[in-house]
Every structure is written in C-alpha cells, then in structure tokens.
Amino acid sequence: DPTKAEVFTLRLKLPNNYTIQPHYHAQWEHITVISGLFHIGMGDTFRAGGWNELKPGSFIAMQPGMRHFVHTVGETVVQLHAMGPWVVTYVNRADDPRNR
C-alpha cells in the first residue's frame, strides 16, 4: 500500500506514447523496465528527446525531489519500488490529471 509508511512494489503497464509530465516524489524511487522502451528525462520542463532511453532490464534510482518526466515507446511495463507514503507532486499543478 503506497499510502502507508512501508516498502511497496507496483508493476505498471503503460500504453504506447504515454507521457507523464514533470513531477517528483518525497521518497526514493526505483524503476526497473520489464518490457517496452521507457524514456526518462530530468528537469522542470518536458522536452521531447531530452531523455535517456531505458530498455528492458534497465534500472534507475531517483533521489527524493528529483524532477523528472516520462515517455513510452510501445506498451511498456515497469516495476516501481519505493517507501511510502508515496505521493506524486507535479511541478505544474495544471499537469496533474487528478485536477481534471
């Protein structure tokens, strides 16, 4: 349960050409790419092409507060490990899909 103060693991299936706008977390985030291509960029602004391409088997660890954004190529499955409580904070509140 990502809302509790404990370690958790989520497996996420993301569609082709999926984007997540710049955001950050208060906890460490560990991502392992299971399938597809996972593009991850750093910074406060989404920049197409301004990312690193992670292939299946790749792993990334991001420290708390690291601003980052995501783009997928093909259906992409990633596994996320973190410590709760885990919250997504968008750099620009207007990018937060929970506000729509």
PDB file of N, CA and C in Angstrom:
ATOM      1  N   ASP A   1       0.846  -1.185   0.000  1.00  0.00           N
ATOM      2  CA  ASP A   1       0.000   0.000   0.000  1.00  0.00           C
ATOM      3  C   ASP A   1       0.888   1.244   0.000  1.00  0.00           C
ATOM      4  N   PRO A   2       0.962   1.972  -1.124  1.00  0.00           N
ATOM      5  CA  PRO A   2       1.843   3.138  -1.203  1.00  0.00           C
ATOM      6  C   PRO A   2       1.481   4.273  -0.249  1.00  0.00           C
ATOM      7  N   THR A   3       0.300   4.229   0.357  1.00  0.00           N
ATOM      8  CA  THR A   3      -0.084   5.303   1.280  1.00  0.00           C
ATOM      9  C   THR A   3       0.430   5.060   2.696  1.00  0.00           C
ATOM     10  N   LYS A   4       0.950   3.868   2.958  1.00  0.00           N
ATOM     11  CA  LYS A   4       1.453   3.534   4.297  1.00  0.00           C
ATOM     12  C   LYS A   4       2.965   3.688   4.368  1.00  0.00           C
ATOM     13  N   ALA A   5       3.465   3.897   5.561  1.00  0.00           N
ATOM     14  CA  ALA A   5       4.905   4.069   5.782  1.00  0.00           C
ATOM     15  C   ALA A   5       5.593   2.712   5.785  1.00  0.00           C
ATOM     16  N   GLU A   6       5.663   2.112   4.594  1.00  0.00           N
ATOM     17  CA  GLU A   6       6.311   0.816   4.434  1.00  0.00           C
ATOM     18  C   GLU A   6       6.780   0.666   2.994  1.00  0.00           C
ATOM     19  N   VAL A   7       7.678  -0.282   2.780  1.00  0.00           N
ATOM     20  CA  VAL A   7       8.172  -0.551   1.434  1.00  0.00           C
ATOM     21  C   VAL A   7       7.049  -1.175   0.605  1.00  0.00           C
ATOM     22  N   PHE A   8       6.970  -0.786  -0.670  1.00  0.00           N
ATOM     23  CA  PHE A   8       5.955  -1.363  -1.560  1.00  0.00           C
ATOM     24  C   PHE A   8       6.553  -1.549  -2.954  1.00  0.00           C
ATOM     25  N   THR A   9       5.887  -2.367  -3.753  1.00  0.00           N
ATOM     26  CA  THR A   9       6.253  -2.603  -5.147  1.00  0.00           C
ATOM     27  C   THR A   9       4.994  -2.529  -5.991  1.00  0.00           C
ATOM     28  N   LEU A  10       5.064  -1.804  -7.103  1.00  0.00           N
ATOM     29  CA  LEU A  10       3.962  -1.725  -8.064  1.00  0.00           C
ATOM     30  C   LEU A  10       4.487  -2.131  -9.431  1.00  0.00           C
ATOM     31  N   ARG A  11       3.696  -2.829 -10.191  1.00  0.00           N
ATOM     32  CA  ARG A  11       4.025  -3.102 -11.586  1.00  0.00           C
ATOM     33  C   ARG A  11       3.018  -2.303 -12.408  1.00  0.00           C
ATOM     34  N   LEU A  12       3.529  -1.437 -13.286  1.00  0.00           N
ATOM     35  CA  LEU A  12       2.696  -0.532 -14.074  1.00  0.00           C
ATOM     36  C   LEU A  12       2.792  -0.875 -15.550  1.00  0.00           C
ATOM     37  N   LYS A  13       1.639  -0.966 -16.207  1.00  0.00           N
ATOM     38  CA  LYS A  13       1.564  -1.213 -17.649  1.00  0.00           C
ATOM     39  C   LYS A  13       1.112   0.093 -18.297  1.00  0.00           C
ATOM     40  N   LEU A  14       1.984   0.671 -19.105  1.00  0.00           N
ATOM     41  CA  LEU A  14       1.729   1.971 -19.721  1.00  0.00           C
ATOM     42  C   LEU A  14       1.564   1.807 -21.223  1.00  0.00           C
ATOM     43  N   PRO A  15       0.605   2.508 -21.826  1.00  0.00           N
ATOM     44  CA  PRO A  15       0.380   2.377 -23.276  1.00  0.00           C
ATOM     45  C   PRO A  15       1.471   3.074 -24.091  1.00  0.00           C
ATOM     46  N   ASN A  16       1.490   2.774 -25.386  1.00  0.00           N
ATOM     47  CA  ASN A  16       2.405   3.423 -26.318  1.00  0.00           C
ATOM     48  C   ASN A  16       2.224   4.937 -26.289  1.00  0.00           C
ATOM     49  N   ASN A  17       3.340   5.654 -26.370  1.00  0.00           N
ATOM     50  CA  ASN A  17       3.345   7.113 -26.451  1.00  0.00           C
ATOM     51  C   ASN A  17       2.719   7.777 -25.231  1.00  0.00           C
ATOM     52  N   TYR A  18       2.813   7.118 -24.094  1.00  0.00           N
ATOM     53  CA  TYR A  18       2.278   7.656 -22.839  1.00  0.00           C
ATOM     54  C   TYR A  18       3.279   8.650 -22.266  1.00  0.00           C
ATOM     55  N   THR A  19       2.786   9.749 -21.726  1.00  0.00           N
ATOM     56  CA  THR A  19       3.674  10.735 -21.108  1.00  0.00           C
ATOM     57  C   THR A  19       3.222  11.016 -19.685  1.00  0.00           C
ATOM     58  N   ILE A  20       4.196  11.294 -18.852  1.00  0.00           N
ATOM     59  CA  ILE A  20       3.958  11.795 -17.505  1.00  0.00           C
ATOM     60  C   ILE A  20       4.767  13.079 -17.415  1.00  0.00           C
ATOM     61  N   GLN A  21       4.090  14.164 -17.155  1.00  0.00           N
ATOM     62  CA  GLN A  21       4.719  15.477 -17.116  1.00  0.00           C
ATOM     63  C   GLN A  21       5.660  15.588 -15.906  1.00  0.00           C
ATOM     64  N   PRO A  22       6.527  16.620 -15.902  1.00  0.00           N
ATOM     65  CA  PRO A  22       7.499  16.750 -14.815  1.00  0.00           C
ATOM     66  C   PRO A  22       6.851  16.697 -13.427  1.00  0.00           C
ATOM     67  N   HIS A  23       7.461  15.868 -12.581  1.00  0.00           N
ATOM     68  CA  HIS A  23       6.962  15.649 -11.233  1.00  0.00           C
ATOM     69  C   HIS A  23       8.112  15.166 -10.359  1.00  0.00           C
ATOM     70  N   TYR A  24       7.814  14.991  -9.075  1.00  0.00           N
ATOM     71  CA  TYR A  24       8.819  14.482  -8.147  1.00  0.00           C
ATOM     72  C   TYR A  24       8.123  13.776  -6.989  1.00  0.00           C
ATOM     73  N   HIS A  25       8.932  13.125  -6.164  1.00  0.00           N
ATOM     74  CA  HIS A  25       8.436  12.375  -5.015  1.00  0.00           C
ATOM     75  C   HIS A  25       9.286  12.742  -3.795  1.00  0.00           C
ATOM     76  N   ALA A  26       8.715  12.607  -2.609  1.00  0.00           N
ATOM     77  CA  ALA A  26       9.430  12.900  -1.368  1.00  0.00           C
ATOM     78  C   ALA A  26      10.298  11.729  -0.916  1.00  0.00           C
ATOM     79  N   GLN A  27      10.153  10.585  -1.587  1.00  0.00           N
ATOM     80  CA  GLN A  27      10.902   9.377  -1.234  1.00  0.00           C
ATOM     81  C   GLN A  27      11.747   8.932  -2.428  1.00  0.00           C
ATOM     82  N   TRP A  28      12.744   8.073  -2.169  1.00  0.00           N
ATOM     83  CA  TRP A  28      13.487   7.448  -3.260  1.00  0.00           C
ATOM     84  C   TRP A  28      12.528   6.675  -4.146  1.00  0.00           C
ATOM     85  N   GLU A  29      12.816   6.650  -5.438  1.00  0.00           N
ATOM     86  CA  GLU A  29      12.024   5.872  -6.389  1.00  0.00           C
ATOM     87  C   GLU A  29      12.978   4.996  -7.190  1.00  0.00           C
ATOM     88  N   HIS A  30      12.687   3.707  -7.264  1.00  0.00           N
ATOM     89  CA  HIS A  30      13.488   2.746  -8.022  1.00  0.00           C
ATOM     90  C   HIS A  30      12.602   2.161  -9.115  1.00  0.00           C
ATOM     91  N   ILE A  31      13.044   2.274 -10.369  1.00  0.00           N
ATOM     92  CA  ILE A  31      12.279   1.776 -11.516  1.00  0.00           C
ATOM     93  C   ILE A  31      13.110   0.729 -12.252  1.00  0.00           C
ATOM     94  N   THR A  32      12.483  -0.406 -12.557  1.00  0.00           N
ATOM     95  CA  THR A  32      13.073  -1.436 -13.394  1.00  0.00           C
ATOM     96  C   THR A  32      12.177  -1.604 -14.617  1.00  0.00           C
ATOM     97  N   VAL A  33      12.756  -1.553 -15.809  1.00  0.00           N
ATOM     98  CA  VAL A  33      11.982  -1.716 -17.040  1.00  0.00           C
ATOM     99  C   VAL A  33      11.856  -3.210 -17.324  1.00  0.00           C
ATOM    100  N   ILE A  34      10.617  -3.679 -17.443  1.00  0.00           N
ATOM    101  CA  ILE A  34      10.333  -5.084 -17.725  1.00  0.00           C
ATOM    102  C   ILE A  34      10.211  -5.309 -19.236  1.00  0.00           C
ATOM    103  N   SER A  35       9.458  -4.420 -19.913  1.00  0.00           N
ATOM    104  CA  SER A  35       9.283  -4.529 -21.367  1.00  0.00           C
ATOM    105  C   SER A  35       8.993  -3.151 -21.945  1.00  0.00           C
ATOM    106  N   GLY A  36       9.183  -3.023 -23.255  1.00  0.00           N
ATOM    107  CA  GLY A  36       8.966  -1.741 -23.923  1.00  0.00           C
ATOM    108  C   GLY A  36      10.177  -0.836 -23.779  1.00  0.00           C
ATOM    109  N   LEU A  37      10.010   0.420 -24.174  1.00  0.00           N
ATOM    110  CA  LEU A  37      11.062   1.427 -24.034  1.00  0.00           C
ATOM    111  C   LEU A  37      10.541   2.538 -23.134  1.00  0.00           C
ATOM    112  N   PHE A  38      11.294   2.851 -22.118  1.00  0.00           N
ATOM    113  CA  PHE A  38      10.923   3.833 -21.101  1.00  0.00           C
ATOM    114  C   PHE A  38      11.897   4.996 -21.209  1.00  0.00           C
ATOM    115  N   HIS A  39      11.388   6.143 -21.639  1.00  0.00           N
ATOM    116  CA  HIS A  39      12.212   7.343 -21.735  1.00  0.00           C
ATOM    117  C   HIS A  39      12.022   8.150 -20.459  1.00  0.00           C
ATOM    118  N   ILE A  40      13.125   8.537 -19.843  1.00  0.00           N
ATOM    119  CA  ILE A  40      13.036   9.364 -18.641  1.00  0.00           C
ATOM    120  C   ILE A  40      13.992  10.541 -18.777  1.00  0.00           C
ATOM    121  N   GLY A  41      13.451  11.732 -18.525  1.00  0.00           N
ATOM    122  CA  GLY A  41      14.242  12.948 -18.579  1.00  0.00           C
ATOM    123  C   GLY A  41      14.204  13.648 -17.247  1.00  0.00           C
ATOM    124  N   MET A  42      15.183  14.481 -17.009  1.00  0.00           N
ATOM    125  CA  MET A  42      15.273  15.207 -15.746  1.00  0.00           C
ATOM    126  C   MET A  42      15.025  16.690 -15.974  1.00  0.00           C
ATOM    127  N   GLY A  43      14.368  17.320 -15.028  1.00  0.00           N
ATOM    128  CA  GLY A  43      14.153  18.754 -15.085  1.00  0.00           C
ATOM    129  C   GLY A  43      12.700  19.141 -14.895  1.00  0.00           C
ATOM    130  N   ASP A  44      12.474  20.435 -14.851  1.00  0.00           N
ATOM    131  CA  ASP A  44      11.147  21.003 -14.600  1.00  0.00           C
ATOM    132  C   ASP A  44      10.294  21.144 -15.850  1.00  0.00           C
ATOM    133  N   THR A  45      10.871  20.896 -17.050  1.00  0.00           N
ATOM    134  CA  THR A  45      10.167  21.083 -18.312  1.00  0.00           C
ATOM    135  C   THR A  45      10.247  19.817 -19.149  1.00  0.00           C
ATOM    136  N   PHE A  46       9.094  19.361 -19.659  1.00  0.00           N
ATOM    137  CA  PHE A  46       9.068  18.200 -20.547  1.00  0.00           C
ATOM    138  C   PHE A  46       9.723  18.590 -21.864  1.00  0.00           C
ATOM    139  N   ARG A  47      10.763  17.863 -22.263  1.00  0.00           N
ATOM    140  CA  ARG A  47      11.481  18.137 -23.504  1.00  0.00           C
ATOM    141  C   ARG A  47      11.523  16.858 -24.325  1.00  0.00           C
ATOM    142  N   ALA A  48      10.733  16.797 -25.388  1.00  0.00           N
ATOM    143  CA  ALA A  48      10.762  15.633 -26.271  1.00  0.00           C
ATOM    144  C   ALA A  48      12.182  15.423 -26.769  1.00  0.00           C
ATOM    145  N   GLY A  49      12.693  14.234 -26.605  1.00  0.00           N
ATOM    146  CA  GLY A  49      14.062  13.931 -26.998  1.00  0.00           C
ATOM    147  C   GLY A  49      15.084  14.254 -25.920  1.00  0.00           C
ATOM    148  N   GLY A  50      14.669  14.956 -24.875  1.00  0.00           N
ATOM    149  CA  GLY A  50      15.583  15.322 -23.785  1.00  0.00           C
ATOM    150  C   GLY A  50      15.554  14.284 -22.681  1.00  0.00           C
ATOM    151  N   TRP A  51      15.733  13.024 -23.067  1.00  0.00           N
ATOM    152  CA  TRP A  51      15.611  11.949 -22.090  1.00  0.00           C
ATOM    153  C   TRP A  51      16.636  10.861 -22.345  1.00  0.00           C
ATOM    154  N   ASN A  52      16.726   9.951 -21.395  1.00  0.00           N
ATOM    155  CA  ASN A  52      17.527   8.733 -21.536  1.00  0.00           C
ATOM    156  C   ASN A  52      16.579   7.602 -21.877  1.00  0.00           C
ATOM    157  N   GLU A  53      16.997   6.730 -22.790  1.00  0.00           N
ATOM    158  CA  GLU A  53      16.172   5.587 -23.177  1.00  0.00           C
ATOM    159  C   GLU A  53      16.575   4.372 -22.355  1.00  0.00           C
ATOM    160  N   LEU A  54      15.620   3.827 -21.622  1.00  0.00           N
ATOM    161  CA  LEU A  54      15.854   2.637 -20.817  1.00  0.00           C
ATOM    162  C   LEU A  54      15.164   1.450 -21.475  1.00  0.00           C
ATOM    163  N   LYS A  55      15.943   0.413 -21.751  1.00  0.00           N
ATOM    164  CA  LYS A  55      15.434  -0.807 -22.391  1.00  0.00           C
ATOM    165  C   LYS A  55      15.118  -1.847 -21.325  1.00  0.00           C
ATOM    166  N   PRO A  56      14.422  -2.928 -21.704  1.00  0.00           N
ATOM    167  CA  PRO A  56      14.119  -3.973 -20.729  1.00  0.00           C
ATOM    168  C   PRO A  56      15.381  -4.436 -19.988  1.00  0.00           C
ATOM    169  N   GLY A  57      15.237  -4.564 -18.676  1.00  0.00           N
ATOM    170  CA  GLY A  57      16.350  -4.940 -17.811  1.00  0.00           C
ATOM    171  C   GLY A  57      17.063  -3.745 -17.212  1.00  0.00           C
ATOM    172  N   SER A  58      16.784  -2.535 -17.726  1.00  0.00           N
ATOM    173  CA  SER A  58      17.414  -1.324 -17.193  1.00  0.00           C
ATOM    174  C   SER A  58      16.796  -0.955 -15.852  1.00  0.00           C
ATOM    175  N   PHE A  59      17.571  -0.220 -15.073  1.00  0.00           N
ATOM    176  CA  PHE A  59      17.166   0.175 -13.725  1.00  0.00           C
ATOM    177  C   PHE A  59      17.598   1.611 -13.491  1.00  0.00           C
ATOM    178  N   ILE A  60      16.780   2.375 -12.778  1.00  0.00           N
ATOM    179  CA  ILE A  60      17.163   3.730 -12.385  1.00  0.00           C
ATOM    180  C   ILE A  60      16.670   3.977 -10.968  1.00  0.00           C
ATOM    181  N   ALA A  61      17.468   4.692 -10.185  1.00  0.00           N
ATOM    182  CA  ALA A  61      17.087   5.110  -8.834  1.00  0.00           C
ATOM    183  C   ALA A  61      17.142   6.630  -8.787  1.00  0.00           C
ATOM    184  N   MET A  62      16.054   7.234  -8.324  1.00  0.00           N
ATOM    185  CA  MET A  62      15.978   8.695  -8.259  1.00  0.00           C
ATOM    186  C   MET A  62      15.811   9.131  -6.813  1.00  0.00           C
ATOM    187  N   GLN A  63      16.629  10.071  -6.423  1.00  0.00           N
ATOM    188  CA  GLN A  63      16.586  10.560  -5.049  1.00  0.00           C
ATOM    189  C   GLN A  63      15.366  11.442  -4.820  1.00  0.00           C
ATOM    190  N   PRO A  64      14.963  11.624  -3.574  1.00  0.00           N
ATOM    191  CA  PRO A  64      13.817  12.478  -3.271  1.00  0.00           C
ATOM    192  C   PRO A  64      13.995  13.879  -3.859  1.00  0.00           C
ATOM    193  N   GLY A  65      12.913  14.398  -4.441  1.00  0.00           N
ATOM    194  CA  GLY A  65      12.923  15.742  -5.003  1.00  0.00           C
ATOM    195  C   GLY A  65      13.432  15.847  -6.427  1.00  0.00           C
ATOM    196  N   MET A  66      13.935  14.742  -7.006  1.00  0.00           N
ATOM    197  CA  MET A  66      14.458  14.764  -8.384  1.00  0.00           C
ATOM    198  C   MET A  66      13.302  14.991  -9.356  1.00  0.00           C
ATOM    199  N   ARG A  67      13.308  16.131 -10.037  1.00  0.00           N
ATOM    200  CA  ARG A  67      12.264  16.422 -11.028  1.00  0.00           C
ATOM    201  C   ARG A  67      12.529  15.567 -12.265  1.00  0.00           C
ATOM    202  N   HIS A  68      11.488  14.866 -12.736  1.00  0.00           N
ATOM    203  CA  HIS A  68      11.657  14.001 -13.904  1.00  0.00           C
ATOM    204  C   HIS A  68      10.347  13.878 -14.674  1.00  0.00           C
ATOM    205  N   PHE A  69      10.465  13.425 -15.945  1.00  0.00           N
ATOM    206  CA  PHE A  69       9.293  13.231 -16.806  1.00  0.00           C
ATOM    207  C   PHE A  69       9.494  11.951 -17.582  1.00  0.00           C
ATOM    208  N   VAL A  70       8.390  11.414 -18.134  1.00  0.00           N
ATOM    209  CA  VAL A  70       8.398  10.081 -18.731  1.00  0.00           C
ATOM    210  C   VAL A  70       7.706  10.081 -20.086  1.00  0.00           C
ATOM    211  N   HIS A  71       8.202   9.217 -20.983  1.00  0.00           N
ATOM    212  CA  HIS A  71       7.565   8.951 -22.269  1.00  0.00           C
ATOM    213  C   HIS A  71       7.813   7.480 -22.590  1.00  0.00           C
ATOM    214  N   THR A  72       6.815   6.807 -23.158  1.00  0.00           N
ATOM    215  CA  THR A  72       6.988   5.397 -23.512  1.00  0.00           C
ATOM    216  C   THR A  72       6.923   5.192 -25.019  1.00  0.00           C
ATOM    217  N   VAL A  73       7.600   4.136 -25.481  1.00  0.00           N
ATOM    218  CA  VAL A  73       7.529   3.700 -26.871  1.00  0.00           C
ATOM    219  C   VAL A  73       7.059   2.253 -26.827  1.00  0.00           C
ATOM    220  N   GLY A  74       5.897   2.009 -27.425  1.00  0.00           N
ATOM    221  CA  GLY A  74       5.288   0.684 -27.326  1.00  0.00           C
ATOM    222  C   GLY A  74       4.686   0.498 -25.943  1.00  0.00           C
ATOM    223  N   GLU A  75       3.847  -0.519 -25.821  1.00  0.00           N
ATOM    224  CA  GLU A  75       3.319  -0.833 -24.488  1.00  0.00           C
ATOM    225  C   GLU A  75       4.518  -1.133 -23.590  1.00  0.00           C
ATOM    226  N   THR A  76       4.587  -0.487 -22.448  1.00  0.00           N
ATOM    227  CA  THR A  76       5.756  -0.567 -21.575  1.00  0.00           C
ATOM    228  C   THR A  76       5.331  -0.992 -20.182  1.00  0.00           C
ATOM    229  N   VAL A  77       6.063  -1.943 -19.629  1.00  0.00           N
ATOM    230  CA  VAL A  77       5.815  -2.404 -18.265  1.00  0.00           C
ATOM    231  C   VAL A  77       7.042  -2.066 -17.426  1.00  0.00           C
ATOM    232  N   VAL A  78       6.798  -1.397 -16.302  1.00  0.00           N
ATOM    233  CA  VAL A  78       7.876  -1.074 -15.360  1.00  0.00           C
ATOM    234  C   VAL A  78       7.473  -1.541 -13.972  1.00  0.00           C
ATOM    235  N   GLN A  79       8.491  -1.804 -13.177  1.00  0.00           N
ATOM    236  CA  GLN A  79       8.253  -2.144 -11.778  1.00  0.00           C
ATOM    237  C   GLN A  79       8.842  -1.026 -10.934  1.00  0.00           C
ATOM    238  N   LEU A  80       8.052  -0.510 -10.020  1.00  0.00           N
ATOM    239  CA  LEU A  80       8.432   0.610  -9.171  1.00  0.00           C
ATOM    240  C   LEU A  80       8.553   0.113  -7.740  1.00  0.00           C
ATOM    241  N   HIS A  81       9.662   0.427  -7.092  1.00  0.00           N
ATOM    242  CA  HIS A  81       9.872   0.110  -5.676  1.00  0.00           C
ATOM    243  C   HIS A  81      10.106   1.422  -4.953  1.00  0.00           C
ATOM    244  N   ALA A  82       9.479   1.586  -3.806  1.00  0.00           N
ATOM    245  CA  ALA A  82       9.688   2.806  -3.030  1.00  0.00           C
ATOM    246  C   ALA A  82       9.228   2.572  -1.595  1.00  0.00           C
ATOM    247  N   MET A  83       9.424   3.583  -0.785  1.00  0.00           N
ATOM    248  CA  MET A  83       8.955   3.587   0.590  1.00  0.00           C
ATOM    249  C   MET A  83       7.795   4.562   0.677  1.00  0.00           C
ATOM    250  N   GLY A  84       6.707   4.137   1.268  1.00  0.00           N
ATOM    251  CA  GLY A  84       5.566   5.018   1.442  1.00  0.00           C
ATOM    252  C   GLY A  84       5.735   5.859   2.702  1.00  0.00           C
ATOM    253  N   PRO A  85       4.888   6.827   2.919  1.00  0.00           N
ATOM    254  CA  PRO A  85       3.839   7.192   1.968  1.00  0.00           C
ATOM    255  C   PRO A  85       4.446   7.839   0.719  1.00  0.00           C
ATOM    256  N   TRP A  86       3.929   7.412  -0.427  1.00  0.00           N
ATOM    257  CA  TRP A  86       4.454   7.820  -1.723  1.00  0.00           C
ATOM    258  C   TRP A  86       3.434   8.696  -2.419  1.00  0.00           C
ATOM    259  N   VAL A  87       3.885   9.874  -2.824  1.00  0.00           N
ATOM    260  CA  VAL A  87       2.995  10.860  -3.440  1.00  0.00           C
ATOM    261  C   VAL A  87       3.664  11.397  -4.702  1.00  0.00           C
ATOM    262  N   VAL A  88       2.873  11.623  -5.741  1.00  0.00           N
ATOM    263  CA  VAL A  88       3.352  12.267  -6.968  1.00  0.00           C
ATOM    264  C   VAL A  88       3.005  13.749  -6.854  1.00  0.00           C
ATOM    265  N   THR A  89       4.025  14.610  -6.933  1.00  0.00           N
ATOM    266  CA  THR A  89       3.820  16.060  -6.902  1.00  0.00           C
ATOM    267  C   THR A  89       4.254  16.619  -8.248  1.00  0.00           C
ATOM    268  N   TYR A  90       3.319  17.185  -8.999  1.00  0.00           N
ATOM    269  CA  TYR A  90       3.625  17.743 -10.316  1.00  0.00           C
ATOM    270  C   TYR A  90       4.244  19.122 -10.166  1.00  0.00           C
ATOM    271  N   VAL A  91       5.257  19.407 -10.986  1.00  0.00           N
ATOM    272  CA  VAL A  91       5.918  20.710 -10.974  1.00  0.00           C
ATOM    273  C   VAL A  91       4.894  21.789 -11.310  1.00  0.00           C
ATOM    274  N   ASN A  92       4.066  21.533 -12.317  1.00  0.00           N
ATOM    275  CA  ASN A  92       2.997  22.450 -12.707  1.00  0.00           C
ATOM    276  C   ASN A  92       1.666  21.801 -12.314  1.00  0.00           C
ATOM    277  N   ARG A  93       0.964  22.383 -11.383  1.00  0.00           N
ATOM    278  CA  ARG A  93      -0.295  21.790 -10.895  1.00  0.00           C
ATOM    279  C   ARG A  93      -1.279  21.505 -12.017  1.00  0.00           C
ATOM    280  N   ALA A  94      -1.242  22.280 -13.088  1.00  0.00           N
ATOM    281  CA  ALA A  94      -2.157  22.085 -14.211  1.00  0.00           C
ATOM    282  C   ALA A  94      -1.890  20.755 -14.929  1.00  0.00           C
ATOM    283  N   ASP A  95      -0.699  20.185 -14.778  1.00  0.00           N
ATOM    284  CA  ASP A  95      -0.357  18.901 -15.408  1.00  0.00           C
ATOM    285  C   ASP A  95      -0.874  17.701 -14.616  1.00  0.00           C
ATOM    286  N   ASP A  96      -1.338  17.927 -13.416  1.00  0.00           N
ATOM    287  CA  ASP A  96      -1.797  16.840 -12.550  1.00  0.00           C
ATOM    288  C   ASP A  96      -3.155  16.327 -13.017  1.00  0.00           C
ATOM    289  N   PRO A  97      -3.229  15.086 -13.514  1.00  0.00           N
ATOM    290  CA  PRO A  97      -4.506  14.563 -14.022  1.00  0.00           C
ATOM    291  C   PRO A  97      -5.584  14.451 -12.948  1.00  0.00           C
ATOM    292  N   ARG A  98      -5.190  14.458 -11.685  1.00  0.00           N
ATOM    293  CA  ARG A  98      -6.189  14.406 -10.595  1.00  0.00           C
ATOM    294  C   ARG A  98      -6.974  15.706 -10.489  1.00  0.00           C
ATOM    295  N   ASN A  99      -6.478  16.781 -11.124  1.00  0.00           N
ATOM    296  CA  ASN A  99      -7.165  18.069 -11.089  1.00  0.00           C
ATOM    297  C   ASN A  99      -8.147  18.253 -12.233  1.00  0.00           C
ATOM    298  N   ARG A 100      -8.274  17.239 -13.093  1.00  0.00           N
ATOM    299  CA  ARG A 100      -9.167  17.374 -14.260  1.00  0.00           C
ATOM    300  C   ARG A 100     -10.537  16.856 -13.951  1.00  0.00           C
TER     301      ARG A 100
END
